Amino acid sequence: MDKQSPKVFKLSERSIDAGASESLRLKHTFANNSTRKHYPGKHSIAIQVNGIVIHSFEFDLA
């Protein structure tokens, strides 16, 4: 069965002034470990700000 399950990872929770900008950088390794297994196939990532998706993309994990 090919089904994607959404997961949310919170990177930051802070207040910034209206019109201000903020940069965040995150690295994620795709190594299997005892708590998470990465399955091959199509995956997608979406970036949300205040619950609104502002960018998303898909990739294939071999």
Protein backbone atom coordinates (compact mmCIF):
# COMPACT_ATOMS: atom_id res chain seq x y z
CA MET A 1 0.00 0.00 0.00
CA ASP A 2 1.40 3.41 -1.02
CA LYS A 3 0.18 5.94 1.52
CA GLN A 4 1.83 9.04 2.89
CA SER A 5 1.31 9.93 6.54
CA PRO A 6 1.74 13.60 7.39
CA LYS A 7 4.19 14.50 10.13
CA VAL A 8 4.87 17.95 11.53
CA PHE A 9 8.28 19.01 12.81
CA LYS A 10 8.35 22.41 14.51
CA LEU A 11 11.58 24.27 13.75
CA SER A 12 10.92 27.44 15.67
CA GLU A 13 8.31 29.27 17.67
CA ARG A 14 9.03 32.97 17.96
CA SER A 15 7.44 36.34 17.45
CA ILE A 16 8.78 38.72 14.85
CA ASP A 17 7.56 42.13 13.80
CA ALA A 18 5.24 42.46 10.82
CA GLY A 19 7.24 42.92 7.62
CA ALA A 20 10.42 41.51 9.19
CA SER A 21 12.16 38.47 7.74
CA GLU A 22 13.83 35.50 9.36
CA SER A 23 16.14 32.79 8.02
CA LEU A 24 16.11 29.18 9.21
CA ARG A 25 18.33 26.34 8.07
CA LEU A 26 17.80 22.65 8.78
CA LYS A 27 19.75 19.55 7.81
CA HIS A 28 18.17 16.11 7.95
CA THR A 29 20.05 12.85 7.47
CA PHE A 30 18.15 9.97 5.92
CA ALA A 31 19.92 7.29 7.98
CA ASN A 32 17.70 4.58 9.45
CA ASN A 33 17.81 4.30 13.22
CA SER A 34 15.80 2.61 15.94
CA THR A 35 13.10 5.31 16.13
CA ARG A 36 12.51 6.12 12.48
CA LYS A 37 12.74 4.14 9.25
CA HIS A 38 12.81 5.92 5.90
CA TYR A 39 10.89 4.11 3.18
CA PRO A 40 11.83 4.35 -0.50
CA GLY A 41 9.45 6.10 -2.87
CA LYS A 42 7.86 9.48 -3.33
CA HIS A 43 7.91 11.90 -0.39
CA SER A 44 6.92 15.53 -0.03
CA ILE A 45 7.94 18.41 2.23
CA ALA A 46 5.87 21.52 2.90
CA ILE A 47 6.93 24.65 4.75
CA GLN A 48 4.19 26.19 6.87
CA VAL A 49 4.09 29.59 8.52
CA ASN A 50 1.19 30.12 10.93
CA GLY A 51 -0.44 26.98 9.55
CA ILE A 52 -0.32 28.20 5.93
CA VAL A 53 1.78 26.26 3.38
CA ILE A 54 4.12 28.74 1.70
CA HIS A 55 6.28 26.26 -0.27
CA SER A 56 6.26 22.53 -0.97
CA PHE A 57 8.19 20.05 -3.09
CA GLU A 58 8.39 16.32 -3.77
CA PHE A 59 11.38 14.00 -4.03
CA ASP A 60 12.07 10.30 -4.53
CA LEU A 61 13.98 8.41 -1.87
CA ALA A 62 15.88 5.43 -3.28
